[in-house]
Amino acid sequence: MTERSPSTWIHRATTPTLIVHGETDHRCPIGQGEEMFVALLKAVCEAEFVRYPGGFHLMPRSAPLPLRIDYYQRVISWLDDHLLQEPAS
């Protein structure tokens, strides 16, 4: 149903968004992540797309250690940059 698809409403997005995606994720194909990233950019929403060659759906829990470390460092950095900011007055 298109009314329940994030793609239907992404043009209204304003929240900075980090998309991390494994290229071999068969549950959520890489093209879906790319589509959302482009839609966020078109909506003039801050977005970053990180693509992991060989990454898969459960990558944060069961990928090789260097990949998991990179993943968690990126997520923590994103959160630090976007959640620890002082609110605009």
PDB file of N, CA and C in Angstrom:
ATOM      1  N   MET A   1       0.838  -1.181   0.000  1.00  0.00           N
ATOM      2  CA  MET A   1       0.000   0.000   0.000  1.00  0.00           C
ATOM      3  C   MET A   1       0.883   1.244   0.000  1.00  0.00           C
ATOM      4  N   THR A   2       0.697   2.060  -0.973  1.00  0.00           N
ATOM      5  CA  THR A   2       1.551   3.239  -1.083  1.00  0.00           C
ATOM      6  C   THR A   2       1.318   4.244   0.028  1.00  0.00           C
ATOM      7  N   GLU A   3       0.129   4.307   0.609  1.00  0.00           N
ATOM      8  CA  GLU A   3      -0.106   5.283   1.680  1.00  0.00           C
ATOM      9  C   GLU A   3       0.681   4.948   2.945  1.00  0.00           C
ATOM     10  N   ARG A   4       1.169   3.715   3.061  1.00  0.00           N
ATOM     11  CA  ARG A   4       1.969   3.314   4.231  1.00  0.00           C
ATOM     12  C   ARG A   4       3.465   3.272   3.934  1.00  0.00           C
ATOM     13  N   SER A   5       3.820   3.564   2.730  1.00  0.00           N
ATOM     14  CA  SER A   5       5.220   3.521   2.332  1.00  0.00           C
ATOM     15  C   SER A   5       5.936   4.808   2.732  1.00  0.00           C
ATOM     16  N   PRO A   6       7.125   4.696   3.324  1.00  0.00           N
ATOM     17  CA  PRO A   6       7.899   5.907   3.634  1.00  0.00           C
ATOM     18  C   PRO A   6       8.187   6.735   2.386  1.00  0.00           C
ATOM     19  N   SER A   7       8.289   6.084   1.242  1.00  0.00           N
ATOM     20  CA  SER A   7       8.568   6.814  -0.004  1.00  0.00           C
ATOM     21  C   SER A   7       7.461   7.793  -0.358  1.00  0.00           C
ATOM     22  N   THR A   8       6.251   7.508   0.080  1.00  0.00           N
ATOM     23  CA  THR A   8       5.122   8.385  -0.215  1.00  0.00           C
ATOM     24  C   THR A   8       5.241   9.714   0.520  1.00  0.00           C
ATOM     25  N   TRP A   9       5.809   9.699   1.710  1.00  0.00           N
ATOM     26  CA  TRP A   9       5.818  10.883   2.575  1.00  0.00           C
ATOM     27  C   TRP A   9       7.199  11.510   2.773  1.00  0.00           C
ATOM     28  N   ILE A  10       8.235  10.920   2.186  1.00  0.00           N
ATOM     29  CA  ILE A  10       9.593  11.381   2.440  1.00  0.00           C
ATOM     30  C   ILE A  10       9.818  12.833   2.013  1.00  0.00           C
ATOM     31  N   HIS A  11       9.036  13.330   1.091  1.00  0.00           N
ATOM     32  CA  HIS A  11       9.209  14.719   0.639  1.00  0.00           C
ATOM     33  C   HIS A  11       8.918  15.722   1.764  1.00  0.00           C
ATOM     34  N   ARG A  12       8.299  15.272   2.846  1.00  0.00           N
ATOM     35  CA  ARG A  12       8.015  16.141   4.000  1.00  0.00           C
ATOM     36  C   ARG A  12       9.092  16.061   5.085  1.00  0.00           C
ATOM     37  N   ALA A  13      10.090  15.242   4.897  1.00  0.00           N
ATOM     38  CA  ALA A  13      11.105  14.999   5.925  1.00  0.00           C
ATOM     39  C   ALA A  13      11.902  16.252   6.254  1.00  0.00           C
ATOM     40  N   THR A  14      12.177  16.442   7.529  1.00  0.00           N
ATOM     41  CA  THR A  14      13.025  17.549   7.976  1.00  0.00           C
ATOM     42  C   THR A  14      14.099  17.082   8.963  1.00  0.00           C
ATOM     43  N   THR A  15      13.966  15.889   9.488  1.00  0.00           N
ATOM     44  CA  THR A  15      14.908  15.368  10.480  1.00  0.00           C
ATOM     45  C   THR A  15      16.183  14.885   9.805  1.00  0.00           C
ATOM     46  N   PRO A  16      17.357  15.355  10.255  1.00  0.00           N
ATOM     47  CA  PRO A  16      18.606  14.837   9.692  1.00  0.00           C
ATOM     48  C   PRO A  16      18.627  13.314   9.803  1.00  0.00           C
ATOM     49  N   THR A  17      19.040  12.667   8.729  1.00  0.00           N
ATOM     50  CA  THR A  17      18.920  11.214   8.653  1.00  0.00           C
ATOM     51  C   THR A  17      20.218  10.564   8.198  1.00  0.00           C
ATOM     52  N   LEU A  18      20.634   9.545   8.934  1.00  0.00           N
ATOM     53  CA  LEU A  18      21.782   8.718   8.566  1.00  0.00           C
ATOM     54  C   LEU A  18      21.235   7.388   8.066  1.00  0.00           C
ATOM     55  N   ILE A  19      21.607   7.027   6.846  1.00  0.00           N
ATOM     56  CA  ILE A  19      21.207   5.737   6.285  1.00  0.00           C
ATOM     57  C   ILE A  19      22.460   4.885   6.181  1.00  0.00           C
ATOM     58  N   VAL A  20      22.460   3.751   6.856  1.00  0.00           N
ATOM     59  CA  VAL A  20      23.567   2.799   6.743  1.00  0.00           C
ATOM     60  C   VAL A  20      23.001   1.534   6.113  1.00  0.00           C
ATOM     61  N   HIS A  21      23.680   1.061   5.069  1.00  0.00           N
ATOM     62  CA  HIS A  21      23.093  -0.026   4.294  1.00  0.00           C
ATOM     63  C   HIS A  21      24.173  -0.965   3.782  1.00  0.00           C
ATOM     64  N   GLY A  22      23.917  -2.255   3.919  1.00  0.00           N
ATOM     65  CA  GLY A  22      24.801  -3.273   3.369  1.00  0.00           C
ATOM     66  C   GLY A  22      24.412  -3.607   1.941  1.00  0.00           C
ATOM     67  N   GLU A  23      25.397  -3.738   1.080  1.00  0.00           N
ATOM     68  CA  GLU A  23      25.123  -4.022  -0.329  1.00  0.00           C
ATOM     69  C   GLU A  23      24.502  -5.396  -0.553  1.00  0.00           C
ATOM     70  N   THR A  24      24.736  -6.336   0.349  1.00  0.00           N
ATOM     71  CA  THR A  24      24.198  -7.688   0.154  1.00  0.00           C
ATOM     72  C   THR A  24      23.011  -7.961   1.075  1.00  0.00           C
ATOM     73  N   ASP A  25      22.322  -6.917   1.473  1.00  0.00           N
ATOM     74  CA  ASP A  25      21.121  -7.067   2.299  1.00  0.00           C
ATOM     75  C   ASP A  25      19.975  -7.486   1.382  1.00  0.00           C
ATOM     76  N   HIS A  26      19.573  -8.750   1.482  1.00  0.00           N
ATOM     77  CA  HIS A  26      18.508  -9.251   0.609  1.00  0.00           C
ATOM     78  C   HIS A  26      17.124  -8.926   1.167  1.00  0.00           C
ATOM     79  N   ARG A  27      17.054  -8.580   2.434  1.00  0.00           N
ATOM     80  CA  ARG A  27      15.763  -8.228   3.038  1.00  0.00           C
ATOM     81  C   ARG A  27      15.350  -6.808   2.647  1.00  0.00           C
ATOM     82  N   CYS A  28      16.315  -5.904   2.639  1.00  0.00           N
ATOM     83  CA  CYS A  28      16.098  -4.514   2.214  1.00  0.00           C
ATOM     84  C   CYS A  28      17.143  -4.211   1.142  1.00  0.00           C
ATOM     85  N   PRO A  29      16.824  -4.387  -0.119  1.00  0.00           N
ATOM     86  CA  PRO A  29      17.812  -4.186  -1.186  1.00  0.00           C
ATOM     87  C   PRO A  29      18.435  -2.787  -1.149  1.00  0.00           C
ATOM     88  N   ILE A  30      19.691  -2.721  -1.552  1.00  0.00           N
ATOM     89  CA  ILE A  30      20.453  -1.471  -1.496  1.00  0.00           C
ATOM     90  C   ILE A  30      19.758  -0.345  -2.247  1.00  0.00           C
ATOM     91  N   GLY A  31      19.039  -0.678  -3.289  1.00  0.00           N
ATOM     92  CA  GLY A  31      18.324   0.348  -4.057  1.00  0.00           C
ATOM     93  C   GLY A  31      17.296   1.100  -3.233  1.00  0.00           C
ATOM     94  N   GLN A  32      16.716   0.443  -2.235  1.00  0.00           N
ATOM     95  CA  GLN A  32      15.747   1.126  -1.367  1.00  0.00           C
ATOM     96  C   GLN A  32      16.431   2.206  -0.534  1.00  0.00           C
ATOM     97  N   GLY A  33      17.616   1.895  -0.020  1.00  0.00           N
ATOM     98  CA  GLY A  33      18.359   2.896   0.737  1.00  0.00           C
ATOM     99  C   GLY A  33      18.777   4.063  -0.141  1.00  0.00           C
ATOM    100  N   GLU A  34      19.221   3.744  -1.344  1.00  0.00           N
ATOM    101  CA  GLU A  34      19.614   4.803  -2.281  1.00  0.00           C
ATOM    102  C   GLU A  34      18.424   5.688  -2.643  1.00  0.00           C
ATOM    103  N   GLU A  35      17.270   5.062  -2.846  1.00  0.00           N
ATOM    104  CA  GLU A  35      16.060   5.812  -3.182  1.00  0.00           C
ATOM    105  C   GLU A  35      15.681   6.784  -2.067  1.00  0.00           C
ATOM    106  N   MET A  36      15.755   6.323  -0.831  1.00  0.00           N
ATOM    107  CA  MET A  36      15.418   7.197   0.296  1.00  0.00           C
ATOM    108  C   MET A  36      16.429   8.340   0.418  1.00  0.00           C
ATOM    109  N   PHE A  37      17.699   8.036   0.209  1.00  0.00           N
ATOM    110  CA  PHE A  37      18.727   9.062   0.295  1.00  0.00           C
ATOM    111  C   PHE A  37      18.492  10.170  -0.739  1.00  0.00           C
ATOM    112  N   VAL A  38      18.238   9.784  -1.973  1.00  0.00           N
ATOM    113  CA  VAL A  38      17.979  10.775  -3.030  1.00  0.00           C
ATOM    114  C   VAL A  38      16.728  11.580  -2.704  1.00  0.00           C
ATOM    115  N   ALA A  39      15.694  10.916  -2.214  1.00  0.00           N
ATOM    116  CA  ALA A  39      14.453  11.624  -1.864  1.00  0.00           C
ATOM    117  C   ALA A  39      14.700  12.621  -0.733  1.00  0.00           C
ATOM    118  N   LEU A  40      15.518  12.258   0.238  1.00  0.00           N
ATOM    119  CA  LEU A  40      15.844  13.198   1.329  1.00  0.00           C
ATOM    120  C   LEU A  40      16.598  14.408   0.794  1.00  0.00           C
ATOM    121  N   LEU A  41      17.537  14.168  -0.103  1.00  0.00           N
ATOM    122  CA  LEU A  41      18.284  15.288  -0.684  1.00  0.00           C
ATOM    123  C   LEU A  41      17.366  16.205  -1.476  1.00  0.00           C
ATOM    124  N   LYS A  42      16.441  15.619  -2.233  1.00  0.00           N
ATOM    125  CA  LYS A  42      15.487  16.435  -2.992  1.00  0.00           C
ATOM    126  C   LYS A  42      14.579  17.237  -2.071  1.00  0.00           C
ATOM    127  N   ALA A  43      14.328  16.709  -0.868  1.00  0.00           N
ATOM    128  CA  ALA A  43      13.501  17.415   0.111  1.00  0.00           C
ATOM    129  C   ALA A  43      14.324  18.445   0.893  1.00  0.00           C
ATOM    130  N   VAL A  44      15.584  18.610   0.512  1.00  0.00           N
ATOM    131  CA  VAL A  44      16.528  19.515   1.171  1.00  0.00           C
ATOM    132  C   VAL A  44      16.633  19.169   2.663  1.00  0.00           C
ATOM    133  N   CYS A  45      16.701  17.891   2.932  1.00  0.00           N
ATOM    134  CA  CYS A  45      16.850  17.381   4.285  1.00  0.00           C
ATOM    135  C   CYS A  45      18.287  16.878   4.421  1.00  0.00           C
ATOM    136  N   GLU A  46      18.936  17.223   5.507  1.00  0.00           N
ATOM    137  CA  GLU A  46      20.301  16.750   5.721  1.00  0.00           C
ATOM    138  C   GLU A  46      20.294  15.225   5.789  1.00  0.00           C
ATOM    139  N   ALA A  47      21.158  14.614   4.993  1.00  0.00           N
ATOM    140  CA  ALA A  47      21.209  13.157   4.958  1.00  0.00           C
ATOM    141  C   ALA A  47      22.623  12.700   4.630  1.00  0.00           C
ATOM    142  N   GLU A  48      22.953  11.544   5.158  1.00  0.00           N
ATOM    143  CA  GLU A  48      24.226  10.898   4.849  1.00  0.00           C
ATOM    144  C   GLU A  48      23.918   9.436   4.534  1.00  0.00           C
ATOM    145  N   PHE A  49      24.583   8.912   3.531  1.00  0.00           N
ATOM    146  CA  PHE A  49      24.389   7.524   3.121  1.00  0.00           C
ATOM    147  C   PHE A  49      25.716   6.795   3.247  1.00  0.00           C
ATOM    148  N   VAL A  50      25.724   5.713   4.016  1.00  0.00           N
ATOM    149  CA  VAL A  50      26.919   4.888   4.171  1.00  0.00           C
ATOM    150  C   VAL A  50      26.603   3.520   3.594  1.00  0.00           C
ATOM    151  N   ARG A  51      27.426   3.121   2.645  1.00  0.00           N
ATOM    152  CA  ARG A  51      27.231   1.857   1.927  1.00  0.00           C
ATOM    153  C   ARG A  51      28.352   0.903   2.332  1.00  0.00           C
ATOM    154  N   TYR A  52      27.969  -0.292   2.796  1.00  0.00           N
ATOM    155  CA  TYR A  52      28.948  -1.288   3.214  1.00  0.00           C
ATOM    156  C   TYR A  52      29.016  -2.418   2.188  1.00  0.00           C
ATOM    157  N   PRO A  53      30.092  -2.485   1.403  1.00  0.00           N
ATOM    158  CA  PRO A  53      30.257  -3.616   0.490  1.00  0.00           C
ATOM    159  C   PRO A  53      30.306  -4.911   1.309  1.00  0.00           C
ATOM    160  N   GLY A  54      29.524  -5.875   0.923  1.00  0.00           N
ATOM    161  CA  GLY A  54      29.490  -7.142   1.639  1.00  0.00           C
ATOM    162  C   GLY A  54      28.635  -7.119   2.893  1.00  0.00           C
ATOM    163  N   GLY A  55      28.108  -5.946   3.246  1.00  0.00           N
ATOM    164  CA  GLY A  55      27.267  -5.838   4.438  1.00  0.00           C
ATOM    165  C   GLY A  55      25.911  -6.466   4.194  1.00  0.00           C
ATOM    166  N   PHE A  56      25.294  -6.956   5.263  1.00  0.00           N
ATOM    167  CA  PHE A  56      23.999  -7.617   5.151  1.00  0.00           C
ATOM    168  C   PHE A  56      23.064  -7.120   6.234  1.00  0.00           C
ATOM    169  N   HIS A  57      21.873  -7.659   6.296  1.00  0.00           N
ATOM    170  CA  HIS A  57      20.813  -7.126   7.156  1.00  0.00           C
ATOM    171  C   HIS A  57      21.178  -7.113   8.642  1.00  0.00           C
ATOM    172  N   LEU A  58      21.781  -8.161   9.153  1.00  0.00           N
ATOM    173  CA  LEU A  58      22.140  -8.220  10.575  1.00  0.00           C
ATOM    174  C   LEU A  58      23.581  -7.795  10.816  1.00  0.00           C
ATOM    175  N   MET A  59      24.103  -7.003   9.927  1.00  0.00           N
ATOM    176  CA  MET A  59      25.488  -6.563   9.983  1.00  0.00           C
ATOM    177  C   MET A  59      25.906  -5.997  11.343  1.00  0.00           C
ATOM    178  N   PRO A  60      25.106  -5.148  11.990  1.00  0.00           N
ATOM    179  CA  PRO A  60      25.551  -4.582  13.262  1.00  0.00           C
ATOM    180  C   PRO A  60      25.781  -5.628  14.357  1.00  0.00           C
ATOM    181  N   ARG A  61      25.179  -6.798  14.215  1.00  0.00           N
ATOM    182  CA  ARG A  61      25.335  -7.827  15.246  1.00  0.00           C
ATOM    183  C   ARG A  61      26.284  -8.943  14.868  1.00  0.00           C
ATOM    184  N   SER A  62      26.410  -9.238  13.573  1.00  0.00           N
ATOM    185  CA  SER A  62      27.148 -10.448  13.231  1.00  0.00           C
ATOM    186  C   SER A  62      28.176 -10.281  12.111  1.00  0.00           C
ATOM    187  N   ALA A  63      28.455  -9.068  11.715  1.00  0.00           N
ATOM    188  CA  ALA A  63      29.477  -8.832  10.685  1.00  0.00           C
ATOM    189  C   ALA A  63      30.863  -8.982  11.309  1.00  0.00           C
ATOM    190  N   PRO A  64      31.907  -9.065  10.492  1.00  0.00           N
ATOM    191  CA  PRO A  64      33.261  -9.075  11.037  1.00  0.00           C
ATOM    192  C   PRO A  64      33.491  -7.850  11.928  1.00  0.00           C
ATOM    193  N   LEU A  65      34.294  -8.014  12.948  1.00  0.00           N
ATOM    194  CA  LEU A  65      34.498  -6.973  13.954  1.00  0.00           C
ATOM    195  C   LEU A  65      34.860  -5.602  13.373  1.00  0.00           C
ATOM    196  N   PRO A  66      35.784  -5.493  12.414  1.00  0.00           N
ATOM    197  CA  PRO A  66      36.101  -4.153  11.888  1.00  0.00           C
ATOM    198  C   PRO A  66      34.884  -3.445  11.280  1.00  0.00           C
ATOM    199  N   LEU A  67      34.005  -4.199  10.626  1.00  0.00           N
ATOM    200  CA  LEU A  67      32.798  -3.619  10.037  1.00  0.00           C
ATOM    201  C   LEU A  67      31.843  -3.136  11.131  1.00  0.00           C
ATOM    202  N   ARG A  68      31.687  -3.941  12.187  1.00  0.00           N
ATOM    203  CA  ARG A  68      30.811  -3.542  13.298  1.00  0.00           C
ATOM    204  C   ARG A  68      31.356  -2.304  14.001  1.00  0.00           C
ATOM    205  N   ILE A  69      32.658  -2.259  14.197  1.00  0.00           N
ATOM    206  CA  ILE A  69      33.270  -1.094  14.847  1.00  0.00           C
ATOM    207  C   ILE A  69      33.009   0.160  14.023  1.00  0.00           C
ATOM    208  N   ASP A  70      33.245   0.073  12.714  1.00  0.00           N
ATOM    209  CA  ASP A  70      32.997   1.229  11.843  1.00  0.00           C
ATOM    210  C   ASP A  70      31.533   1.656  11.911  1.00  0.00           C
ATOM    211  N   TYR A  71      30.637   0.690  11.845  1.00  0.00           N
ATOM    212  CA  TYR A  71      29.200   0.974  11.902  1.00  0.00           C
ATOM    213  C   TYR A  71      28.853   1.742  13.180  1.00  0.00           C
ATOM    214  N   TYR A  72      29.248   1.208  14.317  1.00  0.00           N
ATOM    215  CA  TYR A  72      28.877   1.849  15.592  1.00  0.00           C
ATOM    216  C   TYR A  72      29.567   3.196  15.774  1.00  0.00           C
ATOM    217  N   GLN A  73      30.807   3.342  15.300  1.00  0.00           N
ATOM    218  CA  GLN A  73      31.469   4.643  15.385  1.00  0.00           C
ATOM    219  C   GLN A  73      30.729   5.686  14.555  1.00  0.00           C
ATOM    220  N   ARG A  74      30.268   5.312  13.382  1.00  0.00           N
ATOM    221  CA  ARG A  74      29.517   6.245  12.531  1.00  0.00           C
ATOM    222  C   ARG A  74      28.196   6.652  13.183  1.00  0.00           C
ATOM    223  N   VAL A  75      27.487   5.681  13.744  1.00  0.00           N
ATOM    224  CA  VAL A  75      26.203   5.978  14.382  1.00  0.00           C
ATOM    225  C   VAL A  75      26.417   6.883  15.595  1.00  0.00           C
ATOM    226  N   ILE A  76      27.395   6.571  16.423  1.00  0.00           N
ATOM    227  CA  ILE A  76      27.666   7.394  17.605  1.00  0.00           C
ATOM    228  C   ILE A  76      28.079   8.797  17.193  1.00  0.00           C
ATOM    229  N   SER A  77      28.920   8.909  16.179  1.00  0.00           N
ATOM    230  CA  SER A  77      29.340  10.226  15.689  1.00  0.00           C
ATOM    231  C   SER A  77      28.144  11.034  15.189  1.00  0.00           C
ATOM    232  N   TRP A  78      27.261  10.379  14.437  1.00  0.00           N
ATOM    233  CA  TRP A  78      26.062  11.056  13.926  1.00  0.00           C
ATOM    234  C   TRP A  78      25.207  11.560  15.089  1.00  0.00           C
ATOM    235  N   LEU A  79      25.000  10.715  16.068  1.00  0.00           N
ATOM    236  CA  LEU A  79      24.183  11.109  17.219  1.00  0.00           C
ATOM    237  C   LEU A  79      24.846  12.232  17.998  1.00  0.00           C
ATOM    238  N   ASP A  80      26.158  12.138  18.190  1.00  0.00           N
ATOM    239  CA  ASP A  80      26.882  13.222  18.870  1.00  0.00           C
ATOM    240  C   ASP A  80      26.697  14.547  18.135  1.00  0.00           C
ATOM    241  N   ASP A  81      26.820  14.496  16.818  1.00  0.00           N
ATOM    242  CA  ASP A  81      26.723  15.716  16.009  1.00  0.00           C
ATOM    243  C   ASP A  81      25.322  16.305  15.997  1.00  0.00           C
ATOM    244  N   HIS A  82      24.298  15.462  16.111  1.00  0.00           N
ATOM    245  CA  HIS A  82      22.935  15.941  15.927  1.00  0.00           C
ATOM    246  C   HIS A  82      22.081  15.998  17.197  1.00  0.00           C
ATOM    247  N   LEU A  83      22.450  15.257  18.208  1.00  0.00           N
ATOM    248  CA  LEU A  83      21.645  15.283  19.435  1.00  0.00           C
ATOM    249  C   LEU A  83      22.263  16.130  20.535  1.00  0.00           C
ATOM    250  N   LEU A  84      23.555  16.377  20.450  1.00  0.00           N
ATOM    251  CA  LEU A  84      24.211  17.131  21.505  1.00  0.00           C
ATOM    252  C   LEU A  84      24.350  18.605  21.166  1.00  0.00           C
ATOM    253  N   GLN A  85      23.716  19.034  20.102  1.00  0.00           N
ATOM    254  CA  GLN A  85      23.770  20.439  19.710  1.00  0.00           C
ATOM    255  C   GLN A  85      22.865  21.267  20.624  1.00  0.00           C
ATOM    256  N   GLU A  86      23.267  22.491  20.838  1.00  0.00           N
ATOM    257  CA  GLU A  86      22.429  23.427  21.576  1.00  0.00           C
ATOM    258  C   GLU A  86      21.253  23.823  20.686  1.00  0.00           C
ATOM    259  N   PRO A  87      20.042  23.884  21.240  1.00  0.00           N
ATOM    260  CA  PRO A  87      18.889  24.308  20.424  1.00  0.00           C
ATOM    261  C   PRO A  87      19.075  25.740  19.944  1.00  0.00           C
ATOM    262  N   ALA A  88      18.596  26.003  18.740  1.00  0.00           N
ATOM    263  CA  ALA A  88      18.665  27.362  18.188  1.00  0.00           C
ATOM    264  C   ALA A  88      17.696  28.252  18.959  1.00  0.00           C
ATOM    265  N   SER A  89      18.153  29.472  19.258  1.00  0.00           N
ATOM    266  CA  SER A  89      17.283  30.408  19.991  1.00  0.00           C
ATOM    267  C   SER A  89      16.530  31.305  19.056  1.00  0.00           C
TER     268      SER A  89
END
